[in-house]
């Protein structure tokens, strides 16, 4: 496994994407940085973190074995690998806020940005970007953010967490490659934040409504049971969970 460490970079995803297109890289090549000037989250949001206190990295993975309609299983595998890594380090009350934010005690500690490369209507590879709040303790104007240190009072070795994550990622991608889709989906849904609990959502028009998260569909849409007992599916751009 190749780990490229950088003091600062605009985005590890962008760096790894350019590297893979210029010279080609092997599975589980990692680009890790102490600081990102333009770290990104889902739907173009910026991910901010203090220099040297957190784990910010991207991983390259060949996903050409996947069918086009199985794209969400990349997110499922990554989310479970993160959960299992954090459980090893005694982080409690973990959950996955759809699609792949990792929470502990209802506070966000980790964000994921997955960028897939497609060639001739087939998956080629994935760049998996991870931002994990590790030893940072100040999150100004971010009331829903936390870190491993804030949650436990302990200092963590970011390199140790990275290596543990890569081992878990290899395991869950092996399950995916071997076709264990149902096992992966069931495990993911076990950790799904606010599953089977009445929740408030906001739709694309800004209207708020109530519903109960039931599951995710095979292609990653959130399935919500509405007040009139109708099960409706939403994709990422159509709904926001308020909590």
Foldseek 3Di string as FASTA:
>chain_A
DAEAEDAEEQAQLVVVVVVCVPPRDDFFYKYWYQAHNAYAFPPGHGDHDDGNQWTKMKGKHFPQLDALLQVLLLLLLLQVLLVVLVVVVVQPQWFAEPPRFIDGPQATFKGWDKDWDDDPNTTTMIIIIMIGRAGDQDDPPRVRHGHVCRRPVDHDDNVVSVVSSSVSSVVSVVCVSVPVVVVSQVVNFVRHPQAQHWFWKAFLVRDIFIWHFHGADSNGWTWTQHPVRDTDTDDPNTMDTDD
